[in-house]
Amino acid sequence: MDQVMRALRAEFSDLADPEQITRVLLRLTLAALLGGVLGYERQSQGKAAGVRTHMLVAMGAALFVLVPQQGGMQVGDLSRVIQGVVAGVGFLGAGAILKLRSEEQVLGLTTAAGVFMTAAIGVACGLGRESTALLSTLLALVVLMLVPRIVDRGSKPK
């Protein structure tokens, strides 16, 4: 039984002290919250990728960079992990894009771009760049919420 307990302690030793637990909890929670904010905006506009999707994308991206960083992966090697995240999210975003043949119209590009941005925000959180992630979320909200209003005002006949 003693061997079993030692094995269990060793398996769960990646969060050995309160500082590490706080760091991981903060980064993943912030990624989820910021992703959720962008997802809420998309969901309130009736788009397919909503709160849960954006939260999971942000947390997943954060986790993909956080775990290797915890394991001592060097920055140069971590860049390959980030490249994998970007490629994977690209496939996810591609699933959100729909081309209607009869109308020659493409739908879902903004949703796909939003999922892409959410992953980038998650990466920033995972790397411990919380201020950058927060600022990026605010700027993304400006693009999603204010830019369409400005464009609509400019295109209306006077």
Protein backbone atom coordinates (compact mmCIF):
# COMPACT_ATOMS: atom_id res chain seq x y z
CA MET A 1 0.00 0.00 0.00
CA ASP A 2 2.90 2.32 0.73
CA GLN A 3 4.18 1.88 -2.82
CA VAL A 4 0.75 2.72 -4.21
CA MET A 5 0.60 5.92 -2.16
CA ARG A 6 4.11 6.95 -3.30
CA ALA A 7 3.14 6.29 -6.91
CA LEU A 8 -0.03 8.36 -6.54
CA ARG A 9 1.89 11.25 -4.94
CA ALA A 10 4.45 11.13 -7.74
CA GLU A 11 1.74 11.14 -10.42
CA PHE A 12 0.04 14.19 -8.93
CA SER A 13 3.23 16.10 -8.16
CA ASP A 14 3.03 18.57 -11.06
CA LEU A 15 1.32 21.07 -8.76
CA ALA A 16 3.58 20.67 -5.76
CA ASP A 17 3.19 24.04 -4.05
CA PRO A 18 0.56 26.78 -3.59
CA GLU A 19 2.43 29.12 -5.96
CA GLN A 20 2.18 26.66 -8.87
CA ILE A 21 -1.45 25.88 -8.10
CA THR A 22 -2.27 29.61 -8.05
CA ARG A 23 -0.42 30.24 -11.31
CA VAL A 24 -2.16 27.40 -13.18
CA LEU A 25 -5.57 28.25 -11.73
CA LEU A 26 -5.19 31.93 -12.60
CA ARG A 27 -4.03 31.31 -16.16
CA LEU A 28 -6.69 28.74 -17.01
CA THR A 29 -9.48 30.68 -15.29
CA LEU A 30 -8.51 33.91 -17.03
CA ALA A 31 -8.39 32.11 -20.38
CA ALA A 32 -11.87 30.70 -19.73
CA LEU A 33 -13.28 34.08 -18.68
CA LEU A 34 -11.80 36.02 -21.59
CA GLY A 35 -12.87 33.33 -24.05
CA GLY A 36 -16.31 33.42 -22.47
CA VAL A 37 -16.58 37.17 -22.97
CA LEU A 38 -15.89 36.81 -26.70
CA GLY A 39 -18.17 33.78 -26.88
CA TYR A 40 -20.98 35.70 -25.18
CA GLU A 41 -20.74 38.44 -27.80
CA ARG A 42 -20.91 35.85 -30.61
CA GLN A 43 -23.77 33.95 -28.97
CA SER A 44 -25.75 37.16 -28.41
CA GLN A 45 -25.49 37.75 -32.17
CA GLY A 46 -26.93 34.29 -32.83
CA LYS A 47 -23.69 32.76 -34.06
CA ALA A 48 -22.96 29.04 -33.84
CA ALA A 49 -19.74 29.24 -31.80
CA GLY A 50 -20.85 30.66 -28.46
CA VAL A 51 -19.76 30.88 -24.87
CA ARG A 52 -18.80 27.25 -24.28
CA THR A 53 -16.91 26.89 -27.54
CA HIS A 54 -14.85 30.02 -26.97
CA MET A 55 -14.16 29.11 -23.34
CA LEU A 56 -12.94 25.64 -24.31
CA VAL A 57 -10.78 26.95 -27.15
CA ALA A 58 -9.13 29.52 -24.87
CA MET A 59 -8.55 27.03 -22.04
CA GLY A 60 -7.28 24.38 -24.43
CA ALA A 61 -4.81 26.77 -26.04
CA ALA A 62 -3.65 27.93 -22.60
CA LEU A 63 -3.19 24.36 -21.43
CA PHE A 64 -1.25 23.40 -24.56
CA VAL A 65 1.41 26.00 -23.75
CA LEU A 66 1.19 25.86 -19.96
CA VAL A 67 1.97 22.17 -19.54
CA PRO A 68 5.13 22.12 -21.70
CA GLN A 69 6.27 25.34 -20.02
CA GLN A 70 5.82 23.67 -16.63
CA GLY A 71 7.85 20.75 -17.89
CA GLY A 72 10.77 23.05 -18.64
CA MET A 73 10.40 23.23 -22.42
CA GLN A 74 12.56 25.94 -23.92
CA VAL A 75 11.03 28.90 -25.77
CA GLY A 76 12.26 27.70 -29.18
CA ASP A 77 10.60 24.34 -28.68
CA LEU A 78 7.46 25.95 -27.29
CA SER A 79 7.08 27.84 -30.55
CA ARG A 80 6.43 24.50 -32.28
CA VAL A 81 3.68 23.75 -29.77
CA ILE A 82 2.10 27.12 -30.56
CA GLN A 83 2.33 26.35 -34.28
CA GLY A 84 0.38 23.14 -33.63
CA VAL A 85 -2.28 25.04 -31.71
CA VAL A 86 -2.63 27.54 -34.55
CA ALA A 87 -2.94 24.77 -37.14
CA GLY A 88 -5.51 22.89 -35.05
CA VAL A 89 -7.60 25.98 -34.46
CA GLY A 90 -7.43 26.69 -38.18
CA PHE A 91 -9.22 23.39 -38.83
CA LEU A 92 -11.79 24.21 -36.16
CA GLY A 93 -12.40 27.62 -37.73
CA ALA A 94 -12.68 26.11 -41.18
CA GLY A 95 -15.62 24.08 -39.91
CA ALA A 96 -17.42 27.32 -39.05
CA ILE A 97 -17.17 28.68 -42.60
CA LEU A 98 -20.00 27.95 -45.00
CA LYS A 99 -20.27 28.99 -48.64
CA LEU A 100 -23.75 29.23 -50.06
CA ARG A 101 -23.62 28.29 -53.74
CA SER A 102 -26.86 29.89 -54.78
CA GLU A 103 -26.03 33.31 -53.35
CA GLU A 104 -22.25 33.37 -53.79
CA GLN A 105 -22.10 34.33 -50.13
CA VAL A 106 -19.63 33.14 -47.51
CA LEU A 107 -20.82 32.86 -43.91
CA GLY A 108 -18.89 32.23 -40.72
CA LEU A 109 -15.66 34.09 -41.47
CA THR A 110 -16.02 36.38 -38.46
CA THR A 111 -16.86 33.42 -36.23
CA ALA A 112 -13.79 31.55 -37.49
CA ALA A 113 -11.64 34.64 -36.94
CA GLY A 114 -13.12 34.99 -33.45
CA VAL A 115 -12.21 31.40 -32.58
CA PHE A 116 -8.71 32.05 -33.93
CA MET A 117 -8.42 35.19 -31.79
CA THR A 118 -9.74 33.32 -28.77
CA ALA A 119 -7.01 30.71 -29.18
CA ALA A 120 -4.38 33.44 -29.36
CA ILE A 121 -5.76 34.96 -26.15
CA GLY A 122 -5.62 31.52 -24.55
CA VAL A 123 -1.98 31.14 -25.59
CA ALA A 124 -1.21 34.53 -24.06
CA CYS A 125 -2.86 33.45 -20.80
CA GLY A 126 -1.00 30.14 -20.80
CA LEU A 127 2.31 31.94 -21.24
CA GLY A 128 1.57 34.24 -18.32
CA ARG A 129 0.91 37.31 -20.44
CA GLU A 130 -2.32 38.21 -18.68
CA SER A 131 -2.22 41.94 -19.46
CA THR A 132 -1.69 41.24 -23.14
CA ALA A 133 -4.56 38.76 -23.11
CA LEU A 134 -6.87 41.26 -21.41
CA LEU A 135 -5.95 44.07 -23.81
CA SER A 136 -6.40 41.76 -26.80
CA THR A 137 -9.85 40.75 -25.58
CA LEU A 138 -10.89 44.38 -25.23
CA LEU A 139 -9.66 45.17 -28.73
CA ALA A 140 -11.45 42.12 -30.13
CA LEU A 141 -14.66 43.31 -28.49
CA VAL A 142 -14.21 46.72 -30.13
CA VAL A 143 -13.90 44.99 -33.50
CA LEU A 144 -16.89 42.74 -32.90
CA MET A 145 -19.22 45.29 -31.30
CA LEU A 146 -18.29 48.80 -32.40
CA VAL A 147 -16.81 48.41 -35.87
CA PRO A 148 -20.06 47.04 -37.38
CA ARG A 149 -21.96 50.06 -36.02
CA ILE A 150 -19.42 52.46 -37.49
CA VAL A 151 -19.50 50.68 -40.85
CA ASP A 152 -23.32 50.65 -40.87
CA ARG A 153 -23.46 54.39 -40.18
CA GLY A 154 -21.00 55.09 -42.96
CA SER A 155 -22.85 53.02 -45.53
CA LYS A 156 -26.34 54.47 -44.93
CA PRO A 157 -27.53 57.05 -47.47
CA LYS A 158 -27.81 60.55 -46.07
